[in-house]
N, C-alpha and C. Protein backbone atom coordinates (compact mmCIF):
# COMPACT_ATOMS: atom_id res chain seq x y z
N MET A 1 0.50 -1.04 -0.06
CA MET A 1 -0.02 0.23 -0.02
C MET A 1 0.94 1.20 -0.19
N LYS A 2 0.81 2.07 -0.65
CA LYS A 2 0.93 3.49 -1.24
C LYS A 2 0.51 4.56 -0.02
N LYS A 3 2.03 5.45 0.88
CA LYS A 3 1.52 6.06 1.58
C LYS A 3 1.18 7.56 0.96
N ALA A 4 0.07 8.14 1.86
CA ALA A 4 -0.62 9.02 0.57
C ALA A 4 -0.05 11.03 1.08
N VAL A 5 0.92 10.81 2.04
CA VAL A 5 1.49 11.92 2.32
C VAL A 5 2.85 12.61 1.41
N LYS A 6 2.04 13.86 0.86
CA LYS A 6 2.88 13.89 -0.22
C LYS A 6 4.19 14.51 0.89
N SER A 7 5.38 14.57 -0.61
CA SER A 7 6.47 14.81 0.19
C SER A 7 6.75 16.18 0.29
N ASP A 8 5.80 17.51 0.14
CA ASP A 8 6.32 18.45 0.50
C ASP A 8 5.82 18.92 1.45
N GLU A 9 4.85 17.55 1.88
CA GLU A 9 4.40 17.81 4.00
C GLU A 9 5.17 17.46 4.69
N LEU A 10 6.19 16.56 4.17
CA LEU A 10 7.50 16.17 5.10
C LEU A 10 8.47 16.92 5.57
N SER A 11 8.62 16.71 7.04
CA SER A 11 9.61 17.24 7.18
C SER A 11 11.21 17.19 7.13
N PHE A 12 12.21 17.46 7.60
CA PHE A 12 13.47 16.95 6.91
C PHE A 12 13.52 15.18 7.39
N GLU A 13 13.66 15.25 8.71
CA GLU A 13 13.48 14.26 9.62
C GLU A 13 12.70 12.92 8.81
N GLN A 14 11.63 13.15 9.11
CA GLN A 14 10.55 12.12 8.14
C GLN A 14 10.87 11.72 6.89
N ALA A 15 11.38 12.83 6.32
CA ALA A 15 11.78 12.55 4.77
C ALA A 15 13.23 11.42 4.66
N MET A 16 13.84 11.70 6.09
CA MET A 16 15.28 10.87 5.83
C MET A 16 14.60 9.52 6.33
N GLU A 17 13.98 9.61 7.48
CA GLU A 17 13.44 8.52 7.71
C GLU A 17 12.57 7.16 6.37
N ARG A 18 11.95 7.90 5.82
CA ARG A 18 11.01 7.22 4.65
C ARG A 18 12.31 6.90 3.85
N LEU A 19 13.16 7.62 3.68
CA LEU A 19 14.44 7.37 2.14
C LEU A 19 14.95 6.13 3.08
N GLU A 20 15.75 6.17 4.30
CA GLU A 20 15.98 5.10 5.13
C GLU A 20 15.24 3.77 4.62
N SER A 21 14.40 4.05 4.33
CA SER A 21 13.23 2.90 4.80
C SER A 21 13.14 2.34 3.67
N ILE A 22 12.75 2.64 2.55
CA ILE A 22 13.18 3.08 0.65
C ILE A 22 13.90 2.03 0.92
N VAL A 23 15.68 2.67 0.90
CA VAL A 23 16.71 1.82 0.55
C VAL A 23 16.95 0.69 1.53
N ALA A 24 16.38 0.68 2.84
CA ALA A 24 16.69 -0.82 3.20
C ALA A 24 15.70 -1.52 2.38
N LYS A 25 14.35 -1.16 1.78
CA LYS A 25 13.66 -2.37 1.25
C LYS A 25 14.46 -2.83 -0.16
N LEU A 26 14.66 -1.56 -0.46
CA LEU A 26 15.72 -2.27 -2.29
C LEU A 26 17.55 -2.90 -1.87
N GLU A 27 17.74 -2.72 -0.76
CA GLU A 27 18.87 -3.42 -0.63
C GLU A 27 18.84 -4.78 -0.14
N ASN A 28 17.66 -4.84 0.27
CA ASN A 28 17.18 -6.24 0.63
C ASN A 28 16.79 -7.39 -0.23
N GLY A 29 16.43 -6.44 -1.64
CA GLY A 29 16.07 -7.52 -2.92
C GLY A 29 15.04 -8.40 -2.74
N ASP A 30 13.79 -7.82 -2.05
CA ASP A 30 12.28 -8.88 -2.24
C ASP A 30 11.47 -8.46 -2.31
N VAL A 31 12.17 -7.26 -3.51
CA VAL A 31 11.03 -5.94 -3.94
C VAL A 31 10.68 -6.48 -5.35
N PRO A 32 9.30 -6.67 -5.81
CA PRO A 32 9.63 -7.22 -7.36
C PRO A 32 9.58 -5.92 -8.13
N LEU A 33 9.75 -5.62 -9.41
CA LEU A 33 10.83 -5.22 -10.32
C LEU A 33 9.59 -3.84 -9.93
N GLU A 34 8.49 -3.76 -10.66
CA GLU A 34 7.48 -2.87 -10.37
C GLU A 34 7.65 -1.54 -8.91
N MET A 35 7.57 -2.88 -8.12
CA MET A 35 7.57 -2.10 -6.41
C MET A 35 8.94 -1.12 -6.39
N ALA A 36 10.31 -1.67 -6.87
CA ALA A 36 11.55 -1.22 -6.51
C ALA A 36 11.33 0.22 -7.94
N ILE A 37 11.03 -0.02 -8.92
CA ILE A 37 10.98 1.15 -9.84
C ILE A 37 10.38 2.34 -8.83
N GLU A 38 9.31 2.13 -8.71
CA GLU A 38 8.06 2.96 -7.33
C GLU A 38 9.05 3.44 -6.61
N LEU A 39 9.72 2.69 -5.78
CA LEU A 39 10.65 3.02 -4.51
C LEU A 39 11.37 3.72 -4.80
N PHE A 40 12.17 3.53 -5.64
CA PHE A 40 13.30 4.16 -6.19
C PHE A 40 13.21 5.85 -6.88
N GLN A 41 11.95 5.60 -7.69
CA GLN A 41 11.14 6.92 -7.87
C GLN A 41 10.85 8.06 -6.64
N GLU A 42 10.39 7.38 -5.89
CA GLU A 42 10.07 8.29 -4.40
C GLU A 42 11.23 8.64 -3.50
N GLY A 43 12.49 7.74 -3.59
CA GLY A 43 13.36 8.09 -3.14
C GLY A 43 14.15 8.89 -3.58
N MET A 44 14.33 8.84 -5.39
CA MET A 44 15.12 10.00 -5.45
C MET A 44 14.20 11.76 -5.50
N LYS A 45 13.00 11.18 -5.16
CA LYS A 45 12.40 12.72 -4.45
C LYS A 45 12.27 13.28 -3.38
N LEU A 46 12.32 12.37 -2.27
CA LEU A 46 12.95 12.47 -0.99
C LEU A 46 14.02 13.12 -1.28
N SER A 47 15.09 12.24 -1.62
CA SER A 47 16.47 12.93 -2.31
C SER A 47 16.73 14.47 -2.41
N HIS A 48 16.23 14.45 -2.83
CA HIS A 48 15.95 16.27 -3.81
C HIS A 48 15.43 17.06 -2.45
N LEU A 49 14.13 16.72 -2.33
CA LEU A 49 13.29 17.44 -0.94
C LEU A 49 14.59 17.34 0.09
N CYS A 50 15.38 16.72 0.46
CA CYS A 50 16.21 16.29 1.98
C CYS A 50 17.35 17.46 1.43
N GLY A 51 17.91 17.44 0.34
CA GLY A 51 18.81 18.76 -0.54
C GLY A 51 18.37 19.70 -0.24
N GLY A 52 17.23 19.93 -0.83
CA GLY A 52 16.57 21.62 -0.79
C GLY A 52 16.29 21.94 0.33
N LYS A 53 15.90 21.18 1.14
CA LYS A 53 15.83 21.76 2.81
C LYS A 53 17.37 21.87 3.45
N LEU A 54 18.36 21.51 3.21
CA LEU A 54 19.47 21.56 3.70
C LEU A 54 20.32 22.96 3.21
N GLU A 55 19.87 23.26 1.77
CA GLU A 55 20.57 24.27 1.36
C GLU A 55 19.49 25.23 1.68
N GLN A 56 18.20 25.24 1.62
CA GLN A 56 17.56 26.25 2.98
C GLN A 56 18.17 26.48 4.32
N VAL A 57 18.63 25.82 4.54
CA VAL A 57 19.40 25.85 6.48
C VAL A 57 20.99 26.40 6.44
N GLU A 58 21.59 25.99 5.18
CA GLU A 58 22.61 26.31 5.47
C GLU A 58 22.74 28.13 4.68
N SER A 59 21.57 28.41 3.92
CA SER A 59 22.07 29.87 3.70
C SER A 59 21.33 30.80 4.60
N LYS A 60 20.20 29.74 5.90
CA LYS A 60 20.56 30.41 7.05
C LYS A 60 21.37 30.89 8.41
N ILE A 61 22.65 30.07 8.00
CA ILE A 61 23.38 30.38 9.40
C ILE A 61 24.53 30.82 9.31
N GLU A 62 25.12 31.41 10.06
CA GLU A 62 25.66 32.35 10.10
C GLU A 62 26.84 31.69 11.20
N LEU A 63 28.03 31.78 10.65
CA LEU A 63 28.89 31.65 11.19
C LEU A 63 29.99 32.28 12.41
N LEU A 64 30.17 32.63 13.52
CA LEU A 64 30.70 33.45 14.63
C LEU A 64 32.40 33.48 13.90
N ILE A 65 33.06 34.47 13.68
CA ILE A 65 34.83 34.23 13.87
C ILE A 65 35.22 34.95 14.40
N ASP A 66 35.99 34.15 15.40
CA ASP A 66 36.76 34.59 16.26
C ASP A 66 38.15 35.52 15.48
N SER A 67 38.27 37.18 15.82
CA SER A 67 39.46 37.48 15.13
C SER A 67 40.04 38.59 16.48
N GLU A 68 40.88 39.70 15.70
CA GLU A 68 41.30 40.02 16.27
C GLU A 68 40.53 41.47 16.37
N GLN A 69 39.59 41.95 16.10
CA GLN A 69 38.82 42.98 16.85
C GLN A 69 37.32 41.94 17.49
N GLY A 70 37.65 40.82 17.68
CA GLY A 70 36.15 40.26 18.41
C GLY A 70 35.55 39.27 17.58
N PHE A 71 34.50 38.94 17.91
CA PHE A 71 33.25 38.37 17.46
C PHE A 71 33.21 38.48 15.96
N GLU A 72 32.78 38.24 14.47
CA GLU A 72 32.53 38.83 13.40
C GLU A 72 31.52 37.73 12.37
N LYS A 73 30.58 38.13 12.22
CA LYS A 73 29.67 37.52 11.93
C LYS A 73 30.10 36.92 10.00
N LYS A 74 30.12 35.27 9.83
CA LYS A 74 30.45 35.64 8.36
C LYS A 74 29.20 34.41 7.77
N THR A 75 28.67 34.88 6.63
CA THR A 75 28.03 33.72 6.06
C THR A 75 28.38 32.32 5.73
N PHE A 76 27.46 31.35 6.13
CA PHE A 76 27.58 29.57 6.36
C PHE A 76 28.11 30.04 4.69
N VAL A 77 29.42 29.08 4.26
CA VAL A 77 29.72 28.54 2.76
C VAL A 77 30.41 26.90 2.93
N ALA A 78 29.35 25.95 2.40
CA ALA A 78 29.61 24.58 1.99
C ALA A 78 30.49 24.81 2.20
N ALA A 79 31.99 23.53 2.66
CA ALA A 79 33.22 23.04 2.04
C ALA A 79 33.56 22.93 0.45
N ASN A 80 32.77 22.76 0.06
CA ASN A 80 32.95 22.52 -1.69
C ASN A 80 32.64 23.51 -2.53
N GLU A 81 32.19 24.93 -1.72
CA GLU A 81 31.91 26.36 -2.29
C GLU A 81 32.85 26.88 -2.03
N ASP A 82 33.84 26.58 -0.43
CA ASP A 82 34.52 27.86 -0.31
C ASP A 82 36.05 27.58 -0.87
N LYS A 83 36.38 27.80 -2.06
CA LYS A 83 36.67 27.93 -3.35
C LYS A 83 37.85 29.64 -3.27
N GLY A 84 39.04 29.26 -3.07
CA GLY A 84 39.30 30.91 -3.89
C GLY A 84 39.73 32.03 -2.79
N GLU A 85 39.62 31.33 -0.84
CA GLU A 85 39.45 32.36 -0.35
C GLU A 85 40.72 32.21 0.20
């Protein structure tokens, strides 16, 4: 039976929990092909949802950097984006 909850209504934690459940089912290998395809598609949607939610949170995070002048606020930059500084 399919869950009727829309992915955009899920919290990050709920989406991750569902994604982990899907991965476990697919790794087990006891899923018919049609169901495996549906689960894979749902998993991809959940993965994109989680990625988007993380990007939103990262854009809101500010780092407090201890400098000679005291603490400075600096916008969070993901490690793979912090090049050339």
